[in-house]
Amino acid sequence: MSRFLLMGLLLILTVMPSYASANLLTNPGFEIGNFANWDQWNSTNSTIYTWGHSGSDYSAAGWWATSGWQTVPIADPNALTNIGGWIYDMGGDPLRNGVHAEIRVEFKKADDSIVGTWSTGELTGGDLTDDAWNDFTTQVTPSSYGVDIAKATLVWEVNNNGSGD
């Protein structure tokens, strides 16, 4: 039985109270209609759908075991930053039996060493509303995760630690 999960992602750097700042990610909601600017693992288990949460109505879908990530510079680690994304659990087929989804942001130094991480945790069907976009966005100050933060990597992942049936 397949596990489809759609994600629209965002990583926005905003200095409060301004909400007009541009998204730091390139192709954040897969608006180009493909995975351009996203590095991927096990890309055969992911695809693009022509409907989504926002943007040009595209979204990424993953099943079984796949992930994508993108790294962006953080100009001001003391600035309030919106991070996270949306997850849609399709078709009343909740994540179960070891299959889970996660969105995380890894805050890094210039040498790519991870200083701190924000994460949704391993989300299963009980954590999501079926057939609806689930909002997993929040505001953080990157410097609260450590010192010398120069960049952030947003990761989306679907993984299977069990039978996945």
N, C-alpha and C. Protein backbone atom coordinates (compact mmCIF):
# COMPACT_ATOMS: atom_id res chain seq x y z
N MET A 1 0.84 -1.17 0.00
CA MET A 1 0.00 0.00 0.00
C MET A 1 0.89 1.24 0.00
N SER A 2 0.66 2.17 -0.88
CA SER A 2 1.53 3.34 -0.98
C SER A 2 1.15 4.40 0.04
N ARG A 3 2.13 5.18 0.40
CA ARG A 3 1.95 6.29 1.31
C ARG A 3 2.26 7.55 0.53
N PHE A 4 1.26 8.34 0.24
CA PHE A 4 1.49 9.60 -0.45
C PHE A 4 1.42 10.73 0.54
N LEU A 5 2.34 11.62 0.43
CA LEU A 5 2.39 12.76 1.32
C LEU A 5 2.83 13.96 0.49
N LEU A 6 2.05 15.02 0.50
CA LEU A 6 2.41 16.21 -0.24
C LEU A 6 2.94 17.26 0.71
N MET A 7 3.91 18.03 0.25
CA MET A 7 4.49 19.06 1.08
C MET A 7 4.67 20.34 0.30
N GLY A 8 4.30 21.44 0.90
CA GLY A 8 4.67 22.76 0.40
C GLY A 8 5.57 23.35 1.47
N LEU A 9 6.73 23.85 1.10
CA LEU A 9 7.73 24.24 2.08
C LEU A 9 8.00 25.73 2.03
N LEU A 10 8.40 26.26 3.19
CA LEU A 10 8.78 27.64 3.22
C LEU A 10 9.89 27.87 4.22
N LEU A 11 10.79 28.76 3.88
CA LEU A 11 11.80 29.25 4.81
C LEU A 11 11.94 30.72 4.48
N ILE A 12 11.37 31.58 5.32
CA ILE A 12 11.33 33.01 5.05
C ILE A 12 12.09 33.73 6.14
N LEU A 13 12.93 34.64 5.75
CA LEU A 13 13.62 35.50 6.71
C LEU A 13 12.86 36.81 6.78
N THR A 14 12.28 37.10 7.92
CA THR A 14 11.57 38.36 8.11
C THR A 14 12.04 39.01 9.39
N VAL A 15 12.14 40.32 9.35
CA VAL A 15 12.44 41.08 10.55
C VAL A 15 11.13 41.68 10.99
N MET A 16 10.66 41.34 12.17
CA MET A 16 9.35 41.80 12.63
C MET A 16 9.32 43.31 12.68
N PRO A 17 8.23 43.96 12.34
CA PRO A 17 6.94 43.38 12.02
C PRO A 17 6.71 43.14 10.53
N SER A 18 7.74 43.23 9.71
CA SER A 18 7.57 43.10 8.26
C SER A 18 7.33 41.64 7.87
N TYR A 19 6.23 41.41 7.16
CA TYR A 19 5.93 40.08 6.64
C TYR A 19 6.11 40.02 5.13
N ALA A 20 6.71 41.08 4.56
CA ALA A 20 6.80 41.19 3.11
C ALA A 20 8.11 40.63 2.56
N SER A 21 8.96 40.10 3.39
CA SER A 21 10.24 39.59 2.91
C SER A 21 10.05 38.39 2.00
N ALA A 22 10.96 38.24 1.07
CA ALA A 22 10.88 37.14 0.12
C ALA A 22 11.33 35.83 0.76
N ASN A 23 10.82 34.75 0.23
CA ASN A 23 11.23 33.42 0.68
C ASN A 23 12.69 33.21 0.30
N LEU A 24 13.48 32.69 1.22
CA LEU A 24 14.90 32.43 0.95
C LEU A 24 15.11 31.23 0.04
N LEU A 25 14.16 30.29 0.04
CA LEU A 25 14.28 29.11 -0.81
C LEU A 25 14.01 29.47 -2.26
N THR A 26 14.67 28.78 -3.16
CA THR A 26 14.38 28.89 -4.58
C THR A 26 13.47 27.74 -4.95
N ASN A 27 12.34 28.04 -5.59
CA ASN A 27 11.35 27.02 -5.93
C ASN A 27 10.78 26.37 -4.66
N PRO A 28 10.38 27.18 -3.66
CA PRO A 28 9.97 26.64 -2.37
C PRO A 28 8.72 25.77 -2.41
N GLY A 29 7.76 26.13 -3.23
CA GLY A 29 6.53 25.35 -3.34
C GLY A 29 6.50 24.53 -4.61
N PHE A 30 7.67 24.31 -5.21
CA PHE A 30 7.81 23.51 -6.43
C PHE A 30 7.03 24.14 -7.59
N GLU A 31 6.91 25.50 -7.56
CA GLU A 31 6.14 26.24 -8.55
C GLU A 31 6.65 26.06 -9.98
N ILE A 32 7.92 25.70 -10.13
CA ILE A 32 8.48 25.49 -11.46
C ILE A 32 7.91 24.21 -12.07
N GLY A 33 7.31 23.37 -11.22
CA GLY A 33 6.75 22.11 -11.70
C GLY A 33 7.74 20.96 -11.65
N ASN A 34 8.86 21.18 -10.93
CA ASN A 34 9.86 20.12 -10.79
C ASN A 34 10.65 20.36 -9.50
N PHE A 35 11.70 19.57 -9.29
CA PHE A 35 12.50 19.67 -8.07
C PHE A 35 13.74 20.55 -8.26
N ALA A 36 13.71 21.47 -9.22
CA ALA A 36 14.85 22.36 -9.45
C ALA A 36 15.25 23.05 -8.15
N ASN A 37 16.53 23.12 -7.89
CA ASN A 37 17.14 23.75 -6.72
C ASN A 37 17.02 22.92 -5.44
N TRP A 38 16.44 21.75 -5.53
CA TRP A 38 16.34 20.85 -4.37
C TRP A 38 17.29 19.68 -4.58
N ASP A 39 18.14 19.41 -3.60
CA ASP A 39 18.90 18.16 -3.61
C ASP A 39 17.96 17.08 -3.11
N GLN A 40 18.14 15.85 -3.61
CA GLN A 40 17.24 14.77 -3.22
C GLN A 40 17.98 13.49 -2.92
N TRP A 41 17.35 12.68 -2.08
CA TRP A 41 17.78 11.32 -1.82
C TRP A 41 16.62 10.43 -2.23
N ASN A 42 16.91 9.36 -2.95
CA ASN A 42 15.91 8.39 -3.37
C ASN A 42 14.78 9.07 -4.15
N SER A 43 15.16 9.84 -5.15
CA SER A 43 14.19 10.66 -5.88
C SER A 43 13.15 9.85 -6.65
N THR A 44 13.37 8.56 -6.85
CA THR A 44 12.37 7.75 -7.55
C THR A 44 11.10 7.59 -6.72
N ASN A 45 11.18 7.92 -5.43
CA ASN A 45 10.01 7.83 -4.55
C ASN A 45 9.37 9.19 -4.31
N SER A 46 9.55 10.10 -5.26
CA SER A 46 8.91 11.41 -5.13
C SER A 46 8.49 11.91 -6.50
N THR A 47 7.50 12.77 -6.51
CA THR A 47 6.98 13.32 -7.75
C THR A 47 6.38 14.70 -7.47
N ILE A 48 6.01 15.40 -8.53
CA ILE A 48 5.37 16.70 -8.42
C ILE A 48 3.90 16.55 -8.82
N TYR A 49 3.00 17.11 -8.02
CA TYR A 49 1.58 17.16 -8.35
C TYR A 49 1.22 18.57 -8.79
N THR A 50 0.18 18.69 -9.60
CA THR A 50 -0.21 19.99 -10.13
C THR A 50 -1.26 20.68 -9.27
N TRP A 51 -1.27 20.40 -8.01
CA TRP A 51 -2.09 21.15 -7.06
C TRP A 51 -1.29 21.25 -5.77
N GLY A 52 -1.53 22.30 -5.03
CA GLY A 52 -0.73 22.50 -3.83
C GLY A 52 -1.34 23.49 -2.88
N HIS A 53 -0.57 23.81 -1.87
CA HIS A 53 -1.04 24.72 -0.83
C HIS A 53 -1.02 26.17 -1.27
N SER A 54 0.02 26.58 -1.97
CA SER A 54 0.15 27.98 -2.36
C SER A 54 1.03 28.08 -3.59
N GLY A 55 1.41 29.27 -3.97
CA GLY A 55 2.25 29.46 -5.14
C GLY A 55 1.47 29.18 -6.40
N SER A 56 2.08 28.50 -7.34
CA SER A 56 1.44 28.19 -8.62
C SER A 56 0.72 26.86 -8.57
N ASP A 57 0.32 26.47 -7.39
CA ASP A 57 -0.47 25.25 -7.20
C ASP A 57 0.25 23.98 -7.58
N TYR A 58 1.52 23.87 -7.18
CA TYR A 58 2.27 22.63 -7.30
C TYR A 58 2.63 22.16 -5.90
N SER A 59 2.93 20.89 -5.77
CA SER A 59 3.39 20.34 -4.50
C SER A 59 4.24 19.12 -4.79
N ALA A 60 5.07 18.77 -3.82
CA ALA A 60 5.90 17.58 -3.93
C ALA A 60 5.23 16.45 -3.18
N ALA A 61 5.30 15.27 -3.72
CA ALA A 61 4.76 14.09 -3.05
C ALA A 61 5.88 13.09 -2.84
N GLY A 62 5.88 12.48 -1.68
CA GLY A 62 6.87 11.46 -1.39
C GLY A 62 6.20 10.26 -0.76
N TRP A 63 6.80 9.09 -0.93
CA TRP A 63 6.28 7.87 -0.31
C TRP A 63 7.44 6.96 0.02
N TRP A 64 7.19 6.06 0.90
CA TRP A 64 8.10 5.03 1.38
C TRP A 64 9.36 5.61 2.01
N ALA A 65 10.33 6.08 1.23
CA ALA A 65 11.56 6.64 1.80
C ALA A 65 12.18 7.60 0.78
N THR A 66 12.09 8.88 1.06
CA THR A 66 12.66 9.90 0.18
C THR A 66 12.85 11.19 0.96
N SER A 67 13.71 12.05 0.47
CA SER A 67 13.88 13.35 1.11
C SER A 67 14.42 14.36 0.11
N GLY A 68 14.25 15.63 0.46
CA GLY A 68 14.79 16.72 -0.32
C GLY A 68 15.28 17.80 0.63
N TRP A 69 16.27 18.58 0.18
CA TRP A 69 16.80 19.63 1.05
C TRP A 69 17.37 20.75 0.21
N GLN A 70 17.42 21.92 0.84
CA GLN A 70 17.98 23.10 0.21
C GLN A 70 18.63 23.95 1.29
N THR A 71 19.83 24.45 1.01
CA THR A 71 20.57 25.28 1.96
C THR A 71 20.58 26.72 1.48
N VAL A 72 20.33 27.64 2.41
CA VAL A 72 20.30 29.08 2.10
C VAL A 72 21.13 29.84 3.12
N PRO A 73 21.69 31.00 2.73
CA PRO A 73 22.44 31.81 3.69
C PRO A 73 21.49 32.51 4.67
N ILE A 74 21.95 32.70 5.88
CA ILE A 74 21.23 33.48 6.89
C ILE A 74 22.02 34.77 7.10
N ALA A 75 21.49 35.88 6.60
CA ALA A 75 22.21 37.15 6.68
C ALA A 75 22.25 37.69 8.11
N ASP A 76 21.15 37.54 8.83
CA ASP A 76 21.08 38.06 10.20
C ASP A 76 20.51 36.98 11.11
N PRO A 77 21.36 36.23 11.81
CA PRO A 77 20.87 35.15 12.67
C PRO A 77 20.07 35.65 13.88
N ASN A 78 20.08 36.97 14.11
CA ASN A 78 19.30 37.53 15.22
C ASN A 78 17.91 37.97 14.78
N ALA A 79 17.60 37.85 13.50
CA ALA A 79 16.30 38.26 12.98
C ALA A 79 15.28 37.14 13.16
N LEU A 80 14.06 37.53 13.49
CA LEU A 80 12.97 36.57 13.60
C LEU A 80 12.73 35.96 12.22
N THR A 81 12.66 34.64 12.16
CA THR A 81 12.59 33.91 10.89
C THR A 81 11.41 32.95 10.92
N ASN A 82 10.61 32.97 9.85
CA ASN A 82 9.52 32.00 9.71
C ASN A 82 10.10 30.76 9.06
N ILE A 83 9.86 29.60 9.65
CA ILE A 83 10.39 28.35 9.11
C ILE A 83 9.31 27.29 9.13
N GLY A 84 9.52 26.22 8.36
CA GLY A 84 8.61 25.08 8.40
C GLY A 84 7.96 24.84 7.06
N GLY A 85 6.74 24.32 7.08
CA GLY A 85 6.03 24.02 5.86
C GLY A 85 4.68 23.40 6.16
N TRP A 86 4.03 22.94 5.11
CA TRP A 86 2.72 22.32 5.23
C TRP A 86 2.81 20.88 4.75
N ILE A 87 2.06 20.01 5.39
CA ILE A 87 2.02 18.60 5.01
C ILE A 87 0.56 18.21 4.76
N TYR A 88 0.33 17.49 3.68
CA TYR A 88 -1.00 16.99 3.32
C TYR A 88 -0.92 15.47 3.28
N ASP A 89 -1.70 14.80 4.13
CA ASP A 89 -1.75 13.34 4.14
C ASP A 89 -2.93 12.92 3.28
N MET A 90 -2.65 12.36 2.10
CA MET A 90 -3.67 12.12 1.08
C MET A 90 -4.52 10.88 1.30
N GLY A 91 -5.73 10.96 0.80
CA GLY A 91 -6.58 9.81 0.58
C GLY A 91 -7.00 9.02 1.80
N GLY A 92 -7.00 9.62 2.97
CA GLY A 92 -7.40 8.88 4.16
C GLY A 92 -6.48 7.73 4.48
N ASP A 93 -5.28 7.78 3.98
CA ASP A 93 -4.31 6.71 4.18
C ASP A 93 -3.20 7.24 5.09
N PRO A 94 -3.47 7.30 6.41
CA PRO A 94 -2.53 7.95 7.32
C PRO A 94 -1.18 7.23 7.39
N LEU A 95 -0.21 8.00 7.76
CA LEU A 95 1.12 7.43 7.98
C LEU A 95 1.03 6.48 9.17
N ARG A 96 1.43 5.23 8.97
CA ARG A 96 1.32 4.24 10.05
C ARG A 96 2.33 3.13 9.84
N ASN A 97 2.41 2.25 10.79
CA ASN A 97 3.28 1.07 10.72
C ASN A 97 4.73 1.42 10.40
N GLY A 98 5.21 2.47 11.03
CA GLY A 98 6.61 2.85 10.88
C GLY A 98 6.88 3.92 9.85
N VAL A 99 5.89 4.27 9.02
CA VAL A 99 6.09 5.33 8.04
C VAL A 99 5.82 6.67 8.73
N HIS A 100 6.73 7.62 8.51
CA HIS A 100 6.55 8.94 9.13
C HIS A 100 7.07 10.03 8.19
N ALA A 101 6.67 11.25 8.48
CA ALA A 101 7.14 12.42 7.73
C ALA A 101 7.78 13.39 8.70
N GLU A 102 8.67 14.21 8.18
CA GLU A 102 9.32 15.20 9.03
C GLU A 102 9.73 16.40 8.17
N ILE A 103 9.60 17.58 8.75
CA ILE A 103 10.20 18.79 8.20
C ILE A 103 11.16 19.28 9.27
N ARG A 104 12.40 19.60 8.87
CA ARG A 104 13.34 20.13 9.85
C ARG A 104 14.20 21.20 9.22
N VAL A 105 14.71 22.07 10.07
CA VAL A 105 15.64 23.10 9.65
C VAL A 105 16.90 22.95 10.48
N GLU A 106 18.01 22.77 9.80
CA GLU A 106 19.31 22.63 10.46
C GLU A 106 20.05 23.97 10.34
N PHE A 107 20.36 24.58 11.47
CA PHE A 107 21.11 25.83 11.48
C PHE A 107 22.59 25.49 11.53
N LYS A 108 23.38 26.07 10.61
CA LYS A 108 24.77 25.64 10.41
C LYS A 108 25.74 26.82 10.44
N LYS A 109 26.98 26.48 10.79
CA LYS A 109 28.09 27.42 10.64
C LYS A 109 28.52 27.42 9.18
N ALA A 110 29.44 28.32 8.83
CA ALA A 110 29.94 28.41 7.45
C ALA A 110 30.58 27.11 6.98
N ASP A 111 31.15 26.32 7.92
CA ASP A 111 31.81 25.05 7.56
C ASP A 111 30.83 23.87 7.46
N ASP A 112 29.55 24.14 7.49
CA ASP A 112 28.46 23.15 7.41
C ASP A 112 28.24 22.34 8.68
N SER A 113 28.94 22.65 9.76
CA SER A 113 28.66 21.94 11.01
C SER A 113 27.33 22.45 11.57
N ILE A 114 26.51 21.51 12.03
CA ILE A 114 25.18 21.84 12.53
C ILE A 114 25.30 22.38 13.95
N VAL A 115 24.73 23.57 14.15
CA VAL A 115 24.75 24.23 15.46
C VAL A 115 23.49 23.85 16.25
N GLY A 116 22.36 23.78 15.56
CA GLY A 116 21.10 23.45 16.21
C GLY A 116 20.07 23.07 15.17
N THR A 117 18.99 22.42 15.62
CA THR A 117 17.97 21.92 14.70
C THR A 117 16.57 22.19 15.25
N TRP A 118 15.69 22.66 14.39
CA TRP A 118 14.26 22.73 14.66
C TRP A 118 13.61 21.62 13.85
N SER A 119 12.62 20.93 14.42
CA SER A 119 11.99 19.82 13.71
C SER A 119 10.54 19.65 14.13
N THR A 120 9.74 19.13 13.20
CA THR A 120 8.38 18.74 13.54
C THR A 120 8.38 17.45 14.36
N GLY A 121 9.50 16.73 14.35
CA GLY A 121 9.55 15.39 14.90
C GLY A 121 9.02 14.42 13.86
N GLU A 122 9.03 13.15 14.18
CA GLU A 122 8.54 12.13 13.25
C GLU A 122 7.02 12.08 13.32
N LEU A 123 6.37 12.65 12.33
CA LEU A 123 4.91 12.75 12.30
C LEU A 123 4.30 11.49 11.71
N THR A 124 3.28 10.96 12.37
CA THR A 124 2.53 9.81 11.87
C THR A 124 1.09 10.24 11.65
N GLY A 125 0.25 9.32 11.20
CA GLY A 125 -1.14 9.63 10.91
C GLY A 125 -1.88 10.28 12.06
N GLY A 126 -1.57 9.89 13.29
CA GLY A 126 -2.23 10.47 14.44
C GLY A 126 -1.89 11.93 14.66
N ASP A 127 -0.82 12.41 14.03
CA ASP A 127 -0.39 13.80 14.16
C ASP A 127 -0.98 14.70 13.09
N LEU A 128 -1.62 14.11 12.08
CA LEU A 128 -2.08 14.87 10.92
C LEU A 128 -3.58 14.72 10.72
N THR A 129 -4.20 15.76 10.18
CA THR A 129 -5.59 15.69 9.76
C THR A 129 -5.60 15.17 8.33
N ASP A 130 -6.36 14.10 8.08
CA ASP A 130 -6.43 13.52 6.74
C ASP A 130 -7.11 14.49 5.77
N ASP A 131 -6.65 14.46 4.52
CA ASP A 131 -7.25 15.23 3.43
C ASP A 131 -7.34 16.72 3.72
N ALA A 132 -6.31 17.24 4.38
CA ALA A 132 -6.24 18.67 4.68
C ALA A 132 -4.77 19.07 4.80
N TRP A 133 -4.49 20.33 4.50
CA TRP A 133 -3.13 20.84 4.70
C TRP A 133 -2.91 21.07 6.18
N ASN A 134 -1.85 20.50 6.72
CA ASN A 134 -1.48 20.64 8.12
C ASN A 134 -0.32 21.62 8.20
N ASP A 135 -0.50 22.70 8.97
CA ASP A 135 0.48 23.78 9.06
C ASP A 135 1.52 23.47 10.12
N PHE A 136 2.77 23.38 9.70
CA PHE A 136 3.90 23.18 10.60
C PHE A 136 4.90 24.31 10.40
N THR A 137 4.41 25.54 10.54
CA THR A 137 5.29 26.70 10.45
C THR A 137 5.38 27.35 11.82
N THR A 138 6.49 28.00 12.06
CA THR A 138 6.70 28.69 13.33
C THR A 138 7.70 29.82 13.11
N GLN A 139 7.86 30.64 14.12
CA GLN A 139 8.85 31.71 14.07
C GLN A 139 9.95 31.43 15.07
N VAL A 140 11.19 31.58 14.63
CA VAL A 140 12.34 31.36 15.51
C VAL A 140 13.38 32.45 15.26
N THR A 141 14.27 32.59 16.19
CA THR A 141 15.45 33.41 16.01
C THR A 141 16.62 32.44 15.88
N PRO A 142 17.22 32.33 14.69
CA PRO A 142 18.28 31.33 14.48
C PRO A 142 19.38 31.36 15.53
N SER A 143 19.78 32.54 16.00
CA SER A 143 20.87 32.62 16.98
C SER A 143 20.50 31.95 18.30
N SER A 144 19.21 31.71 18.54
CA SER A 144 18.82 31.01 19.78
C SER A 144 19.23 29.53 19.74
N TYR A 145 19.63 29.04 18.56
CA TYR A 145 20.07 27.65 18.42
C TYR A 145 21.58 27.51 18.57
N GLY A 146 22.30 28.63 18.64
CA GLY A 146 23.75 28.58 18.81
C GLY A 146 24.42 29.79 18.18
N VAL A 147 25.74 29.80 18.23
CA VAL A 147 26.51 30.95 17.73
C VAL A 147 27.09 30.66 16.34
N ASP A 148 27.46 31.72 15.67
CA ASP A 148 28.12 31.66 14.36
C ASP A 148 27.25 31.01 13.27
N ILE A 149 25.95 31.19 13.34
CA ILE A 149 25.06 30.62 12.31
C ILE A 149 25.19 31.44 11.03
N ALA A 150 25.50 30.76 9.94
CA ALA A 150 25.69 31.42 8.64
C ALA A 150 24.69 30.95 7.59
N LYS A 151 24.07 29.78 7.82
CA LYS A 151 23.13 29.24 6.84
C LYS A 151 22.15 28.28 7.50
N ALA A 152 21.14 27.94 6.73
CA ALA A 152 20.13 26.99 7.21
C ALA A 152 19.81 26.02 6.08
N THR A 153 19.56 24.77 6.44
CA THR A 153 19.14 23.76 5.48
C THR A 153 17.75 23.29 5.87
N LEU A 154 16.78 23.47 4.95
CA LEU A 154 15.44 22.95 5.17
C LEU A 154 15.36 21.57 4.54
N VAL A 155 14.90 20.59 5.31
CA VAL A 155 14.82 19.20 4.87
C VAL A 155 13.38 18.73 4.96
N TRP A 156 12.87 18.10 3.91
CA TRP A 156 11.60 17.38 4.01
C TRP A 156 11.90 15.90 3.79
N GLU A 157 11.19 15.07 4.53
CA GLU A 157 11.54 13.64 4.51
C GLU A 157 10.30 12.78 4.75
N VAL A 158 10.21 11.71 4.02
CA VAL A 158 9.26 10.63 4.29
C VAL A 158 10.12 9.39 4.49
N ASN A 159 9.92 8.68 5.58
CA ASN A 159 10.77 7.54 5.86
C ASN A 159 9.95 6.39 6.41
N ASN A 160 10.53 5.21 6.41
CA ASN A 160 9.84 4.01 6.86
C ASN A 160 10.74 3.23 7.80
N ASN A 161 10.34 3.15 9.06
CA ASN A 161 11.07 2.37 10.06
C ASN A 161 10.35 1.08 10.41
N GLY A 162 9.38 0.71 9.60
CA GLY A 162 8.59 -0.49 9.92
C GLY A 162 8.10 -1.17 8.67
N SER A 163 6.94 -1.79 8.78
CA SER A 163 6.40 -2.54 7.65
C SER A 163 5.81 -1.63 6.58
N GLY A 164 5.30 -0.47 7.00
CA GLY A 164 4.74 0.49 6.05
C GLY A 164 3.54 -0.01 5.28
N ASP A 165 2.89 -1.06 5.78
CA ASP A 165 1.73 -1.57 5.03
C ASP A 165 0.45 -0.89 5.43
